N, C-alpha and C. Protein backbone atom coordinates (compact mmCIF):
# COMPACT_ATOMS: atom_id res chain seq x y z
N MET A 1 -3.09 30.61 6.11
CA MET A 1 -3.22 29.20 5.80
C MET A 1 -4.20 29.05 4.64
N GLU A 2 -3.81 28.22 3.69
CA GLU A 2 -4.66 27.97 2.53
C GLU A 2 -5.83 27.09 2.90
N LYS A 3 -6.89 27.23 2.13
CA LYS A 3 -8.04 26.36 2.34
C LYS A 3 -7.71 25.00 1.73
N PRO A 4 -8.33 23.92 2.24
CA PRO A 4 -8.03 22.57 1.72
C PRO A 4 -8.25 22.49 0.21
N ILE A 5 -7.39 21.70 -0.43
CA ILE A 5 -7.49 21.52 -1.88
C ILE A 5 -7.72 20.04 -2.18
N PRO A 6 -8.39 19.76 -3.28
CA PRO A 6 -8.61 18.36 -3.65
C PRO A 6 -7.31 17.67 -4.05
N LEU A 7 -7.30 16.37 -3.88
CA LEU A 7 -6.12 15.56 -4.20
C LEU A 7 -5.68 15.76 -5.65
N GLU A 8 -6.62 15.82 -6.56
CA GLU A 8 -6.28 15.99 -7.97
C GLU A 8 -5.50 17.28 -8.20
N ARG A 9 -5.90 18.36 -7.55
CA ARG A 9 -5.18 19.63 -7.71
C ARG A 9 -3.80 19.58 -7.03
N LEU A 10 -3.73 18.88 -5.91
CA LEU A 10 -2.44 18.74 -5.21
C LEU A 10 -1.41 18.08 -6.13
N PHE A 11 -1.81 17.08 -6.89
CA PHE A 11 -0.88 16.33 -7.73
C PHE A 11 -0.66 16.92 -9.11
N LYS A 12 -1.43 17.93 -9.47
CA LYS A 12 -1.33 18.49 -10.82
C LYS A 12 0.05 19.12 -11.04
N GLU A 13 0.78 18.57 -12.00
CA GLU A 13 2.10 19.06 -12.42
C GLU A 13 3.09 19.18 -11.25
N LYS A 14 3.00 18.21 -10.34
CA LYS A 14 3.93 18.19 -9.21
C LYS A 14 4.58 16.82 -9.08
N ILE A 15 5.81 16.84 -8.61
CA ILE A 15 6.56 15.63 -8.28
C ILE A 15 6.98 15.80 -6.84
N PHE A 16 6.67 14.80 -6.01
CA PHE A 16 6.99 14.86 -4.59
C PHE A 16 8.15 13.94 -4.29
N ARG A 17 9.13 14.46 -3.58
CA ARG A 17 10.28 13.67 -3.17
C ARG A 17 10.48 13.81 -1.66
N ILE A 18 10.75 12.68 -1.03
CA ILE A 18 11.05 12.66 0.40
C ILE A 18 12.56 12.83 0.52
N PRO A 19 13.00 13.92 1.15
CA PRO A 19 14.45 14.12 1.30
C PRO A 19 15.09 13.03 2.15
N ASP A 20 16.37 12.82 1.95
CA ASP A 20 17.06 11.73 2.66
C ASP A 20 17.14 11.92 4.17
N TYR A 21 16.90 13.13 4.67
CA TYR A 21 16.93 13.34 6.12
C TYR A 21 15.63 12.90 6.80
N GLN A 22 14.60 12.60 6.02
CA GLN A 22 13.34 12.14 6.59
C GLN A 22 13.43 10.66 6.93
N ARG A 23 12.72 10.26 7.95
CA ARG A 23 12.68 8.83 8.29
C ARG A 23 11.87 8.08 7.24
N GLY A 24 12.03 6.79 7.21
CA GLY A 24 11.27 5.96 6.28
C GLY A 24 9.81 5.87 6.69
N TYR A 25 9.05 5.22 5.86
CA TYR A 25 7.63 5.06 6.11
C TYR A 25 7.42 4.18 7.34
N ALA A 26 6.55 4.60 8.24
CA ALA A 26 6.43 3.89 9.51
C ALA A 26 4.99 3.59 9.95
N TRP A 27 4.01 3.96 9.17
CA TRP A 27 2.64 3.68 9.61
C TRP A 27 2.41 2.18 9.75
N GLN A 28 1.61 1.84 10.73
CA GLN A 28 1.31 0.44 11.01
C GLN A 28 -0.20 0.20 10.85
N ARG A 29 -0.62 -0.98 11.22
CA ARG A 29 -2.02 -1.40 11.07
C ARG A 29 -2.99 -0.39 11.67
N GLU A 30 -2.71 0.14 12.84
CA GLU A 30 -3.63 1.07 13.51
C GLU A 30 -3.87 2.34 12.67
N GLN A 31 -2.81 2.91 12.12
CA GLN A 31 -2.96 4.11 11.29
C GLN A 31 -3.68 3.79 9.99
N PHE A 32 -3.36 2.64 9.37
CA PHE A 32 -4.06 2.21 8.16
C PHE A 32 -5.55 2.04 8.43
N ARG A 33 -5.86 1.38 9.51
CA ARG A 33 -7.27 1.12 9.86
C ARG A 33 -8.02 2.43 10.06
N SER A 34 -7.41 3.36 10.75
CA SER A 34 -8.03 4.66 10.99
C SER A 34 -8.27 5.39 9.66
N PHE A 35 -7.28 5.38 8.78
CA PHE A 35 -7.40 6.00 7.46
C PHE A 35 -8.55 5.36 6.68
N TRP A 36 -8.58 4.02 6.65
CA TRP A 36 -9.61 3.30 5.92
C TRP A 36 -11.00 3.59 6.49
N GLU A 37 -11.13 3.56 7.81
CA GLU A 37 -12.44 3.84 8.43
C GLU A 37 -12.91 5.25 8.13
N ASP A 38 -12.00 6.21 8.11
CA ASP A 38 -12.36 7.58 7.75
C ASP A 38 -12.94 7.63 6.33
N LEU A 39 -12.32 6.91 5.40
CA LEU A 39 -12.80 6.90 4.02
C LEU A 39 -14.14 6.19 3.88
N VAL A 40 -14.27 5.04 4.52
CA VAL A 40 -15.49 4.26 4.42
C VAL A 40 -16.68 5.00 5.03
N ASN A 41 -16.45 5.76 6.07
CA ASN A 41 -17.55 6.44 6.76
C ASN A 41 -17.94 7.78 6.16
N LEU A 42 -17.29 8.19 5.09
CA LEU A 42 -17.67 9.44 4.43
C LEU A 42 -18.98 9.25 3.68
N ASN A 43 -19.83 10.26 3.73
CA ASN A 43 -21.00 10.20 2.86
C ASN A 43 -20.66 10.94 1.58
N GLY A 44 -21.52 10.92 0.62
CA GLY A 44 -21.24 11.50 -0.70
C GLY A 44 -21.03 13.00 -0.72
N GLN A 45 -21.40 13.69 0.33
CA GLN A 45 -21.29 15.15 0.37
C GLN A 45 -20.05 15.66 1.09
N ARG A 46 -19.25 14.77 1.65
CA ARG A 46 -18.11 15.20 2.46
C ARG A 46 -16.79 14.77 1.83
N SER A 47 -15.73 15.42 2.29
CA SER A 47 -14.37 15.09 1.88
C SER A 47 -13.59 14.64 3.10
N HIS A 48 -12.53 13.91 2.85
CA HIS A 48 -11.66 13.49 3.95
C HIS A 48 -10.53 14.50 4.09
N TYR A 49 -10.40 15.10 5.24
CA TYR A 49 -9.34 16.06 5.50
C TYR A 49 -8.09 15.29 5.92
N MET A 50 -7.02 15.42 5.15
CA MET A 50 -5.79 14.68 5.41
C MET A 50 -4.76 15.46 6.22
N GLY A 51 -5.06 16.68 6.58
CA GLY A 51 -4.11 17.46 7.37
C GLY A 51 -3.24 18.34 6.49
N VAL A 52 -2.30 18.98 7.11
CA VAL A 52 -1.44 19.95 6.44
C VAL A 52 -0.19 19.26 5.91
N LEU A 53 0.19 19.63 4.70
CA LEU A 53 1.47 19.19 4.13
C LEU A 53 2.40 20.40 4.10
N THR A 54 3.64 20.18 4.45
CA THR A 54 4.63 21.23 4.33
C THR A 54 5.58 20.82 3.22
N LEU A 55 5.62 21.64 2.17
CA LEU A 55 6.42 21.34 0.98
C LEU A 55 7.42 22.46 0.74
N THR A 56 8.57 22.11 0.21
CA THR A 56 9.57 23.08 -0.22
C THR A 56 9.85 22.82 -1.70
N GLN A 57 9.65 23.86 -2.51
CA GLN A 57 9.88 23.69 -3.94
C GLN A 57 11.37 23.63 -4.24
N VAL A 58 11.75 22.67 -5.08
CA VAL A 58 13.13 22.55 -5.54
C VAL A 58 13.28 23.45 -6.75
N ALA A 59 14.30 24.29 -6.74
CA ALA A 59 14.52 25.21 -7.87
C ALA A 59 14.78 24.43 -9.15
N HIS A 60 14.27 24.95 -10.25
CA HIS A 60 14.45 24.32 -11.56
C HIS A 60 15.93 24.03 -11.82
N ALA A 61 16.78 24.95 -11.46
CA ALA A 61 18.22 24.80 -11.69
C ALA A 61 18.82 23.66 -10.87
N ASP A 62 18.14 23.26 -9.79
CA ASP A 62 18.65 22.19 -8.92
C ASP A 62 18.18 20.80 -9.34
N VAL A 63 17.34 20.72 -10.38
CA VAL A 63 16.91 19.42 -10.89
C VAL A 63 17.95 18.97 -11.90
N ARG A 64 18.63 17.88 -11.58
CA ARG A 64 19.71 17.40 -12.45
C ARG A 64 19.18 17.04 -13.84
N THR A 65 19.92 17.42 -14.85
CA THR A 65 19.49 17.15 -16.23
C THR A 65 19.49 15.66 -16.55
N ASP A 66 20.21 14.85 -15.79
CA ASP A 66 20.23 13.40 -16.02
C ASP A 66 19.23 12.66 -15.13
N SER A 67 18.39 13.38 -14.41
CA SER A 67 17.40 12.74 -13.54
C SER A 67 16.16 12.34 -14.33
N ARG A 68 15.41 11.42 -13.79
CA ARG A 68 14.16 10.98 -14.43
C ARG A 68 13.08 12.04 -14.37
N GLU A 69 13.24 13.06 -13.53
CA GLU A 69 12.26 14.13 -13.40
C GLU A 69 12.47 15.24 -14.42
N PHE A 70 13.68 15.36 -14.93
CA PHE A 70 14.04 16.55 -15.71
C PHE A 70 13.13 16.78 -16.91
N TRP A 71 12.77 15.74 -17.65
CA TRP A 71 11.93 15.93 -18.84
C TRP A 71 10.58 16.53 -18.48
N LEU A 72 10.03 16.18 -17.33
CA LEU A 72 8.75 16.76 -16.92
C LEU A 72 8.90 18.20 -16.46
N VAL A 73 9.99 18.49 -15.78
CA VAL A 73 10.25 19.85 -15.30
C VAL A 73 10.57 20.75 -16.48
N ASP A 74 11.42 20.28 -17.36
CA ASP A 74 11.89 21.12 -18.47
C ASP A 74 10.85 21.26 -19.59
N ASP A 75 10.17 20.18 -19.93
CA ASP A 75 9.26 20.18 -21.08
C ASP A 75 7.78 20.37 -20.73
N HIS A 76 7.39 20.10 -19.48
CA HIS A 76 5.96 20.05 -19.16
C HIS A 76 5.57 20.89 -17.93
N SER A 77 6.42 21.79 -17.51
CA SER A 77 6.12 22.73 -16.42
C SER A 77 5.84 22.06 -15.07
N TYR A 78 6.33 20.85 -14.87
CA TYR A 78 6.19 20.23 -13.56
C TYR A 78 7.15 20.91 -12.59
N ARG A 79 6.81 20.83 -11.31
CA ARG A 79 7.67 21.34 -10.25
C ARG A 79 7.96 20.20 -9.28
N VAL A 80 9.18 20.18 -8.78
CA VAL A 80 9.58 19.16 -7.81
C VAL A 80 9.49 19.79 -6.42
N TYR A 81 8.93 19.03 -5.48
CA TYR A 81 8.79 19.49 -4.10
C TYR A 81 9.38 18.46 -3.16
N HIS A 82 10.08 18.94 -2.14
CA HIS A 82 10.48 18.08 -1.03
C HIS A 82 9.36 18.12 -0.01
N VAL A 83 9.00 16.95 0.50
CA VAL A 83 7.96 16.85 1.52
C VAL A 83 8.65 16.98 2.88
N VAL A 84 8.39 18.10 3.54
CA VAL A 84 9.01 18.38 4.83
C VAL A 84 8.15 17.81 5.96
N ASP A 85 6.84 17.90 5.81
CA ASP A 85 5.93 17.33 6.80
C ASP A 85 4.71 16.77 6.08
N GLY A 86 4.24 15.62 6.53
CA GLY A 86 3.08 14.98 5.93
C GLY A 86 3.44 13.76 5.10
N GLN A 87 4.69 13.32 5.20
CA GLN A 87 5.15 12.20 4.39
C GLN A 87 4.36 10.92 4.66
N GLN A 88 4.05 10.64 5.91
CA GLN A 88 3.34 9.40 6.24
C GLN A 88 1.95 9.38 5.58
N ARG A 89 1.25 10.51 5.66
CA ARG A 89 -0.10 10.61 5.07
C ARG A 89 -0.03 10.54 3.55
N LEU A 90 0.91 11.26 2.96
CA LEU A 90 1.03 11.26 1.50
C LEU A 90 1.43 9.88 0.98
N THR A 91 2.31 9.21 1.69
CA THR A 91 2.70 7.85 1.30
C THR A 91 1.49 6.92 1.38
N THR A 92 0.69 7.07 2.42
CA THR A 92 -0.50 6.22 2.58
C THR A 92 -1.47 6.44 1.43
N ILE A 93 -1.63 7.67 0.99
CA ILE A 93 -2.50 7.94 -0.16
C ILE A 93 -1.99 7.22 -1.40
N ILE A 94 -0.69 7.27 -1.62
CA ILE A 94 -0.10 6.60 -2.79
C ILE A 94 -0.26 5.09 -2.68
N VAL A 95 -0.03 4.53 -1.50
CA VAL A 95 -0.22 3.09 -1.28
C VAL A 95 -1.67 2.72 -1.57
N PHE A 96 -2.61 3.53 -1.08
CA PHE A 96 -4.02 3.27 -1.31
C PHE A 96 -4.37 3.32 -2.80
N ILE A 97 -3.89 4.34 -3.50
CA ILE A 97 -4.19 4.47 -4.93
C ILE A 97 -3.59 3.29 -5.71
N GLN A 98 -2.35 2.91 -5.37
CA GLN A 98 -1.74 1.77 -6.05
C GLN A 98 -2.51 0.49 -5.78
N ALA A 99 -2.98 0.29 -4.54
CA ALA A 99 -3.78 -0.90 -4.22
C ALA A 99 -5.10 -0.89 -4.99
N PHE A 100 -5.70 0.28 -5.13
CA PHE A 100 -6.93 0.45 -5.90
C PHE A 100 -6.69 0.05 -7.35
N VAL A 101 -5.62 0.55 -7.95
CA VAL A 101 -5.27 0.22 -9.34
C VAL A 101 -5.02 -1.28 -9.47
N ASP A 102 -4.25 -1.84 -8.54
CA ASP A 102 -3.95 -3.28 -8.61
C ASP A 102 -5.22 -4.13 -8.49
N PHE A 103 -6.15 -3.71 -7.62
CA PHE A 103 -7.41 -4.44 -7.45
C PHE A 103 -8.20 -4.45 -8.75
N PHE A 104 -8.38 -3.28 -9.36
CA PHE A 104 -9.14 -3.22 -10.61
C PHE A 104 -8.47 -4.03 -11.71
N ARG A 105 -7.16 -3.97 -11.76
CA ARG A 105 -6.42 -4.70 -12.79
C ARG A 105 -6.57 -6.21 -12.59
N SER A 106 -6.70 -6.64 -11.34
CA SER A 106 -6.76 -8.08 -11.04
C SER A 106 -8.12 -8.71 -11.28
N LEU A 107 -9.15 -7.92 -11.51
CA LEU A 107 -10.48 -8.49 -11.75
C LEU A 107 -10.46 -9.33 -13.02
N PRO A 108 -11.10 -10.49 -12.99
CA PRO A 108 -11.07 -11.39 -14.16
C PRO A 108 -11.52 -10.72 -15.46
N CYS A 109 -12.47 -9.80 -15.39
CA CYS A 109 -12.94 -9.15 -16.62
C CYS A 109 -11.89 -8.22 -17.23
N HIS A 110 -10.83 -7.92 -16.50
CA HIS A 110 -9.78 -7.03 -17.00
C HIS A 110 -8.49 -7.77 -17.35
N HIS A 111 -8.57 -9.08 -17.34
CA HIS A 111 -7.38 -9.90 -17.60
C HIS A 111 -6.71 -9.51 -18.92
N LYS A 112 -5.45 -9.16 -18.85
CA LYS A 112 -4.60 -8.82 -19.99
C LYS A 112 -5.01 -7.54 -20.73
N LYS A 113 -5.90 -6.75 -20.16
CA LYS A 113 -6.27 -5.48 -20.79
C LYS A 113 -5.27 -4.40 -20.38
N PRO A 114 -4.94 -3.49 -21.28
CA PRO A 114 -4.08 -2.36 -20.90
C PRO A 114 -4.87 -1.38 -20.04
N SER A 115 -4.17 -0.57 -19.28
CA SER A 115 -4.78 0.37 -18.34
C SER A 115 -5.77 1.32 -19.01
N ASN A 116 -5.52 1.69 -20.25
CA ASN A 116 -6.42 2.63 -20.92
C ASN A 116 -7.72 1.98 -21.40
N GLU A 117 -7.85 0.67 -21.22
CA GLU A 117 -9.09 -0.02 -21.57
C GLU A 117 -9.84 -0.54 -20.35
N ILE A 118 -9.33 -0.23 -19.16
CA ILE A 118 -10.00 -0.64 -17.92
C ILE A 118 -10.69 0.59 -17.35
N TYR A 119 -12.01 0.58 -17.38
CA TYR A 119 -12.80 1.74 -16.95
C TYR A 119 -13.25 1.57 -15.50
N ILE A 120 -13.07 2.63 -14.73
CA ILE A 120 -13.54 2.68 -13.35
C ILE A 120 -14.94 3.31 -13.34
N THR A 121 -15.09 4.36 -14.14
CA THR A 121 -16.38 4.99 -14.39
C THR A 121 -16.53 5.09 -15.91
N ASP A 122 -17.60 5.72 -16.36
CA ASP A 122 -17.84 5.83 -17.80
C ASP A 122 -16.70 6.50 -18.55
N ASN A 123 -16.01 7.44 -17.91
CA ASN A 123 -14.94 8.15 -18.63
C ASN A 123 -13.63 8.23 -17.85
N LEU A 124 -13.48 7.40 -16.83
CA LEU A 124 -12.24 7.37 -16.05
C LEU A 124 -11.61 6.00 -16.14
N THR A 125 -10.41 5.95 -16.71
CA THR A 125 -9.70 4.67 -16.85
C THR A 125 -8.59 4.56 -15.81
N LEU A 126 -8.07 3.35 -15.67
CA LEU A 126 -6.90 3.17 -14.79
C LEU A 126 -5.73 4.00 -15.28
N ALA A 127 -5.59 4.14 -16.59
CA ALA A 127 -4.49 4.95 -17.14
C ALA A 127 -4.60 6.39 -16.65
N HIS A 128 -5.82 6.93 -16.60
CA HIS A 128 -5.99 8.30 -16.08
C HIS A 128 -5.54 8.39 -14.63
N VAL A 129 -5.92 7.43 -13.82
CA VAL A 129 -5.55 7.43 -12.40
C VAL A 129 -4.03 7.33 -12.26
N GLU A 130 -3.43 6.42 -13.01
CA GLU A 130 -1.97 6.27 -12.95
C GLU A 130 -1.27 7.56 -13.34
N GLU A 131 -1.72 8.19 -14.40
CA GLU A 131 -1.09 9.43 -14.88
C GLU A 131 -1.29 10.59 -13.92
N ARG A 132 -2.43 10.67 -13.29
CA ARG A 132 -2.70 11.77 -12.35
C ARG A 132 -1.90 11.65 -11.07
N TYR A 133 -1.79 10.42 -10.55
CA TYR A 133 -1.26 10.26 -9.19
C TYR A 133 0.03 9.44 -9.07
N LEU A 134 0.30 8.57 -10.00
CA LEU A 134 1.40 7.64 -9.81
C LEU A 134 2.62 7.91 -10.67
N PHE A 135 2.46 8.04 -11.96
CA PHE A 135 3.63 8.21 -12.82
C PHE A 135 3.25 8.80 -14.17
N GLN A 136 4.25 9.32 -14.85
CA GLN A 136 4.16 9.73 -16.24
C GLN A 136 5.17 8.88 -17.01
N THR A 137 4.81 8.49 -18.21
CA THR A 137 5.73 7.71 -19.04
C THR A 137 6.31 8.63 -20.10
N ASN A 138 7.63 8.66 -20.16
CA ASN A 138 8.32 9.48 -21.15
C ASN A 138 8.13 8.84 -22.53
N PRO A 139 7.48 9.55 -23.45
CA PRO A 139 7.21 8.95 -24.76
C PRO A 139 8.47 8.71 -25.59
N ARG A 140 9.50 9.49 -25.33
CA ARG A 140 10.75 9.31 -26.11
C ARG A 140 11.64 8.23 -25.51
N GLY A 141 11.69 8.17 -24.18
CA GLY A 141 12.58 7.20 -23.55
C GLY A 141 11.89 5.94 -23.09
N GLY A 142 10.55 5.99 -23.00
CA GLY A 142 9.80 4.82 -22.59
C GLY A 142 9.90 4.50 -21.11
N PHE A 143 10.54 5.35 -20.32
CA PHE A 143 10.67 5.08 -18.89
C PHE A 143 9.61 5.85 -18.12
N ARG A 144 9.36 5.38 -16.90
CA ARG A 144 8.38 6.03 -16.03
C ARG A 144 9.08 6.99 -15.06
N THR A 145 8.43 8.11 -14.84
CA THR A 145 8.84 9.03 -13.79
C THR A 145 7.73 9.00 -12.75
N TYR A 146 8.07 8.50 -11.58
CA TYR A 146 7.08 8.40 -10.52
C TYR A 146 6.89 9.77 -9.87
N LYS A 147 5.64 10.09 -9.57
CA LYS A 147 5.31 11.40 -9.02
C LYS A 147 5.61 11.49 -7.53
N PHE A 148 5.90 10.36 -6.91
CA PHE A 148 6.17 10.33 -5.48
C PHE A 148 7.28 9.34 -5.21
N GLY A 149 8.24 9.72 -4.40
CA GLY A 149 9.32 8.81 -4.04
C GLY A 149 10.36 9.52 -3.20
N TYR A 150 11.43 8.82 -2.94
CA TYR A 150 12.53 9.37 -2.15
C TYR A 150 13.57 10.02 -3.06
N THR A 151 14.26 11.03 -2.53
CA THR A 151 15.35 11.64 -3.29
C THR A 151 16.48 10.63 -3.44
N ASP A 152 16.72 9.85 -2.41
CA ASP A 152 17.70 8.77 -2.41
C ASP A 152 17.02 7.55 -1.84
N ASP A 153 17.58 6.39 -2.08
CA ASP A 153 16.99 5.18 -1.54
C ASP A 153 17.03 5.24 -0.02
N ASN A 154 15.86 5.19 0.59
CA ASN A 154 15.73 5.26 2.04
C ASN A 154 14.75 4.17 2.44
N PRO A 155 15.23 2.94 2.60
CA PRO A 155 14.31 1.82 2.82
C PRO A 155 13.40 2.05 4.02
N SER A 156 12.13 1.77 3.81
CA SER A 156 11.14 1.87 4.87
C SER A 156 11.04 0.54 5.58
N GLN A 157 10.44 0.58 6.74
CA GLN A 157 10.17 -0.65 7.47
C GLN A 157 9.18 -1.47 6.65
N VAL A 158 9.45 -2.74 6.48
CA VAL A 158 8.56 -3.61 5.72
C VAL A 158 7.31 -3.85 6.55
N ILE A 159 6.17 -3.65 5.93
CA ILE A 159 4.90 -3.87 6.60
C ILE A 159 4.28 -5.10 5.99
N SER A 160 4.03 -6.11 6.82
CA SER A 160 3.41 -7.32 6.29
C SER A 160 2.14 -7.59 7.07
N GLY A 161 1.25 -8.26 6.43
CA GLY A 161 0.01 -8.66 7.10
C GLY A 161 -0.97 -7.53 7.31
N ILE A 162 -0.86 -6.44 6.54
CA ILE A 162 -1.81 -5.35 6.69
C ILE A 162 -3.10 -5.75 6.00
N ALA A 163 -4.19 -5.69 6.73
CA ALA A 163 -5.50 -5.99 6.15
C ALA A 163 -6.44 -4.86 6.48
N PHE A 164 -7.13 -4.39 5.47
CA PHE A 164 -8.10 -3.31 5.70
C PHE A 164 -9.43 -3.88 6.06
């Protein structure tokens, strides 16, 4: 068993896809609250252990040339992985990161600023966070390739009224 790795390394040059045989996202308020409390109660010297992920690498030859992932796989050494176990936790991380990005973007001092001009720290912008964890934008086609999603549309249960 590998030793735990940081989130940044987990996402480096990887694209995660939930295969169509997996159930949709199902976490509810109780799981969200537990996740949030774990994060809030960390001190500066500790990390949050998210558990084990089971991934299966998709062969380069199996990535369709007309897919939105192909340019990253072919030109930038990205690898596509199917998430076999850990989908609920990984989805929650993505939901959390997206909520974090949306919160920073919504602050009045950031009104109408592009992501690369919104600083979280002295040298970390929202654009950096988006590129590391959420998506890459194809400079030639102008479209986004999301680093996490389903292989096919697999609607999740709609969660409303979640409050952290």
